[in-house]
């Protein structure tokens, strides 16, 4: 095991803080409204937050946020 740590295998473990991003925290209500308007196309929700709030997120981040927030 020490050999693996010396060779850098330990660095492959997931670091704390990975996962859902906090960029959309506090915008749950607005995200919910946008998802209801554009339920089939998350690109429109991403574009809305980019234009109105200058928040850049990817589709996967939005999906993870919706999953965590259970929206």
N, C-alpha and C. Protein backbone atom coordinates (compact mmCIF):
# COMPACT_ATOMS: atom_id res chain seq x y z
N UNK A 1 0.83 -1.19 0.00
CA UNK A 1 0.00 0.00 0.00
C UNK A 1 0.87 1.25 0.00
N UNK A 2 1.96 1.24 0.75
CA UNK A 2 2.84 2.40 0.78
C UNK A 2 3.41 2.70 -0.59
N UNK A 3 3.65 1.63 -1.36
CA UNK A 3 4.18 1.82 -2.70
C UNK A 3 3.19 2.61 -3.56
N UNK A 4 1.90 2.28 -3.44
CA UNK A 4 0.88 2.99 -4.22
C UNK A 4 0.79 4.45 -3.84
N UNK A 5 0.91 4.74 -2.56
CA UNK A 5 0.87 6.13 -2.11
C UNK A 5 2.07 6.89 -2.64
N UNK A 6 3.23 6.25 -2.61
CA UNK A 6 4.44 6.90 -3.12
C UNK A 6 4.34 7.15 -4.62
N UNK A 7 3.66 6.28 -5.34
CA UNK A 7 3.56 6.41 -6.79
C UNK A 7 2.44 7.36 -7.23
N UNK A 8 1.69 7.90 -6.29
CA UNK A 8 0.69 8.90 -6.64
C UNK A 8 -0.72 8.38 -6.79
N UNK A 9 -0.97 7.13 -6.44
CA UNK A 9 -2.32 6.59 -6.56
C UNK A 9 -3.25 7.30 -5.59
N UNK A 10 -2.74 7.74 -4.48
CA UNK A 10 -3.56 8.45 -3.49
C UNK A 10 -4.16 9.72 -4.09
N UNK A 11 -3.48 10.33 -5.02
CA UNK A 11 -3.97 11.58 -5.60
C UNK A 11 -5.20 11.37 -6.48
N UNK A 12 -5.52 10.13 -6.81
CA UNK A 12 -6.67 9.85 -7.65
C UNK A 12 -7.98 9.83 -6.87
N UNK A 13 -7.91 9.84 -5.56
CA UNK A 13 -9.14 9.82 -4.78
C UNK A 13 -9.89 11.14 -4.93
N UNK A 14 -11.20 11.07 -4.74
CA UNK A 14 -12.03 12.26 -4.89
C UNK A 14 -11.83 13.17 -3.69
N UNK A 15 -11.56 14.40 -3.96
CA UNK A 15 -11.29 15.38 -2.91
C UNK A 15 -12.60 15.93 -2.35
N UNK A 16 -12.60 16.37 -1.07
CA UNK A 16 -13.81 16.95 -0.51
C UNK A 16 -14.19 18.23 -1.26
N UNK A 17 -15.47 18.48 -1.32
CA UNK A 17 -15.93 19.68 -2.01
C UNK A 17 -16.35 19.42 -3.44
N UNK A 18 -16.09 18.21 -3.93
CA UNK A 18 -16.53 17.87 -5.28
C UNK A 18 -18.01 17.55 -5.21
N UNK A 19 -18.69 17.68 -6.29
CA UNK A 19 -20.12 17.37 -6.30
C UNK A 19 -20.91 18.58 -6.75
N UNK A 20 -22.12 18.70 -6.27
CA UNK A 20 -23.00 19.78 -6.70
C UNK A 20 -22.39 21.15 -6.39
N UNK A 21 -22.44 22.01 -7.32
CA UNK A 21 -21.87 23.34 -7.16
C UNK A 21 -22.85 24.25 -6.44
N UNK A 22 -22.31 25.19 -5.72
CA UNK A 22 -23.14 26.11 -4.93
C UNK A 22 -23.57 27.33 -5.73
N UNK A 23 -23.30 27.35 -7.01
CA UNK A 23 -23.62 28.53 -7.82
C UNK A 23 -25.10 28.84 -7.86
N UNK A 24 -25.93 27.83 -7.77
CA UNK A 24 -27.37 28.04 -7.89
C UNK A 24 -28.07 28.06 -6.54
N UNK A 25 -27.33 27.96 -5.46
CA UNK A 25 -27.96 28.03 -4.14
C UNK A 25 -28.61 29.39 -3.96
N UNK A 26 -29.84 29.39 -3.49
CA UNK A 26 -30.59 30.63 -3.34
C UNK A 26 -31.47 30.95 -4.54
N UNK A 27 -31.27 30.23 -5.62
CA UNK A 27 -32.07 30.44 -6.83
C UNK A 27 -33.03 29.28 -7.08
N UNK A 28 -33.34 28.51 -6.05
CA UNK A 28 -34.17 27.32 -6.22
C UNK A 28 -35.53 27.65 -6.84
N UNK A 29 -36.16 28.72 -6.37
CA UNK A 29 -37.48 29.10 -6.88
C UNK A 29 -37.40 29.49 -8.35
N UNK A 30 -36.38 30.26 -8.69
CA UNK A 30 -36.22 30.71 -10.08
C UNK A 30 -35.87 29.54 -11.00
N UNK A 31 -35.04 28.62 -10.51
CA UNK A 31 -34.71 27.43 -11.30
C UNK A 31 -35.98 26.62 -11.55
N UNK A 32 -36.79 26.47 -10.53
CA UNK A 32 -38.04 25.72 -10.65
C UNK A 32 -38.96 26.34 -11.71
N UNK A 33 -39.08 27.66 -11.69
CA UNK A 33 -39.92 28.35 -12.67
C UNK A 33 -39.40 28.15 -14.09
N UNK A 34 -38.09 28.26 -14.25
CA UNK A 34 -37.49 28.11 -15.58
C UNK A 34 -37.62 26.68 -16.09
N UNK A 35 -37.46 25.72 -15.20
CA UNK A 35 -37.59 24.32 -15.60
C UNK A 35 -39.03 24.02 -16.01
N UNK A 36 -40.00 24.62 -15.33
CA UNK A 36 -41.40 24.43 -15.71
C UNK A 36 -41.67 25.02 -17.09
N UNK A 37 -41.05 26.17 -17.39
CA UNK A 37 -41.23 26.80 -18.70
C UNK A 37 -40.55 26.00 -19.81
N UNK A 38 -39.36 25.50 -19.53
CA UNK A 38 -38.53 24.82 -20.53
C UNK A 38 -38.18 23.41 -20.07
N UNK A 39 -39.19 22.62 -19.78
CA UNK A 39 -38.93 21.31 -19.18
C UNK A 39 -38.17 20.36 -20.09
N UNK A 40 -38.32 20.49 -21.38
CA UNK A 40 -37.66 19.57 -22.31
C UNK A 40 -36.28 20.04 -22.74
N UNK A 41 -35.96 21.30 -22.51
CA UNK A 41 -34.71 21.84 -23.02
C UNK A 41 -33.98 22.62 -21.93
N UNK A 42 -33.00 21.99 -21.31
CA UNK A 42 -32.26 22.65 -20.24
C UNK A 42 -31.32 23.73 -20.76
N UNK A 43 -31.04 23.72 -22.06
CA UNK A 43 -30.18 24.76 -22.63
C UNK A 43 -30.79 26.15 -22.41
N UNK A 44 -32.11 26.24 -22.49
CA UNK A 44 -32.78 27.52 -22.28
C UNK A 44 -32.63 27.99 -20.84
N UNK A 45 -32.65 27.08 -19.90
CA UNK A 45 -32.46 27.43 -18.49
C UNK A 45 -31.03 27.92 -18.27
N UNK A 46 -30.07 27.23 -18.87
CA UNK A 46 -28.67 27.62 -18.76
C UNK A 46 -28.46 29.01 -19.37
N UNK A 47 -29.06 29.24 -20.54
CA UNK A 47 -28.95 30.54 -21.20
C UNK A 47 -29.56 31.64 -20.35
N UNK A 48 -30.70 31.36 -19.72
CA UNK A 48 -31.37 32.34 -18.86
C UNK A 48 -30.45 32.78 -17.72
N UNK A 49 -29.82 31.84 -17.04
CA UNK A 49 -28.95 32.19 -15.92
C UNK A 49 -27.67 32.87 -16.38
N UNK A 50 -27.23 32.55 -17.58
CA UNK A 50 -26.06 33.23 -18.13
C UNK A 50 -26.38 34.69 -18.43
N UNK A 51 -27.53 34.94 -19.03
CA UNK A 51 -27.91 36.30 -19.43
C UNK A 51 -28.38 37.17 -18.27
N UNK A 52 -29.18 36.63 -17.37
CA UNK A 52 -29.79 37.43 -16.32
C UNK A 52 -28.96 37.52 -15.04
N UNK A 53 -28.19 36.49 -14.75
CA UNK A 53 -27.45 36.46 -13.48
C UNK A 53 -25.94 36.32 -13.67
N UNK A 54 -25.49 36.19 -14.92
CA UNK A 54 -24.07 36.02 -15.23
C UNK A 54 -23.49 34.81 -14.50
N UNK A 55 -24.28 33.74 -14.45
CA UNK A 55 -23.85 32.48 -13.83
C UNK A 55 -23.63 31.48 -14.95
N UNK A 56 -22.40 31.01 -15.09
CA UNK A 56 -22.07 30.03 -16.11
C UNK A 56 -22.12 28.64 -15.49
N UNK A 57 -22.99 27.80 -16.01
CA UNK A 57 -23.10 26.43 -15.55
C UNK A 57 -23.20 25.53 -16.76
N UNK A 58 -22.84 24.28 -16.58
CA UNK A 58 -23.00 23.32 -17.66
C UNK A 58 -24.28 22.51 -17.42
N UNK A 59 -24.66 21.76 -18.40
CA UNK A 59 -25.90 20.99 -18.33
C UNK A 59 -25.83 19.97 -17.19
N UNK A 60 -24.68 19.34 -17.02
CA UNK A 60 -24.53 18.32 -15.98
C UNK A 60 -24.66 18.95 -14.59
N UNK A 61 -24.11 20.15 -14.40
CA UNK A 61 -24.24 20.84 -13.12
C UNK A 61 -25.70 21.13 -12.82
N UNK A 62 -26.43 21.58 -13.83
CA UNK A 62 -27.86 21.86 -13.64
C UNK A 62 -28.62 20.57 -13.32
N UNK A 63 -28.30 19.49 -14.01
CA UNK A 63 -28.95 18.22 -13.73
C UNK A 63 -28.67 17.77 -12.29
N UNK A 64 -27.43 17.89 -11.86
CA UNK A 64 -27.07 17.51 -10.49
C UNK A 64 -27.79 18.39 -9.47
N UNK A 65 -27.91 19.68 -9.77
CA UNK A 65 -28.61 20.59 -8.87
C UNK A 65 -30.07 20.20 -8.75
N UNK A 66 -30.71 19.91 -9.87
CA UNK A 66 -32.12 19.52 -9.86
C UNK A 66 -32.32 18.21 -9.10
N UNK A 67 -31.37 17.32 -9.25
CA UNK A 67 -31.46 16.03 -8.55
C UNK A 67 -31.31 16.22 -7.04
N UNK A 68 -30.32 17.02 -6.63
CA UNK A 68 -30.08 17.27 -5.20
C UNK A 68 -31.23 18.04 -4.57
N UNK A 69 -31.74 19.04 -5.28
CA UNK A 69 -32.81 19.87 -4.75
C UNK A 69 -34.18 19.20 -4.90
N UNK A 70 -34.22 18.09 -5.60
CA UNK A 70 -35.45 17.33 -5.86
C UNK A 70 -36.53 18.21 -6.49
N UNK A 71 -36.12 18.96 -7.51
CA UNK A 71 -37.06 19.84 -8.23
C UNK A 71 -37.56 19.14 -9.48
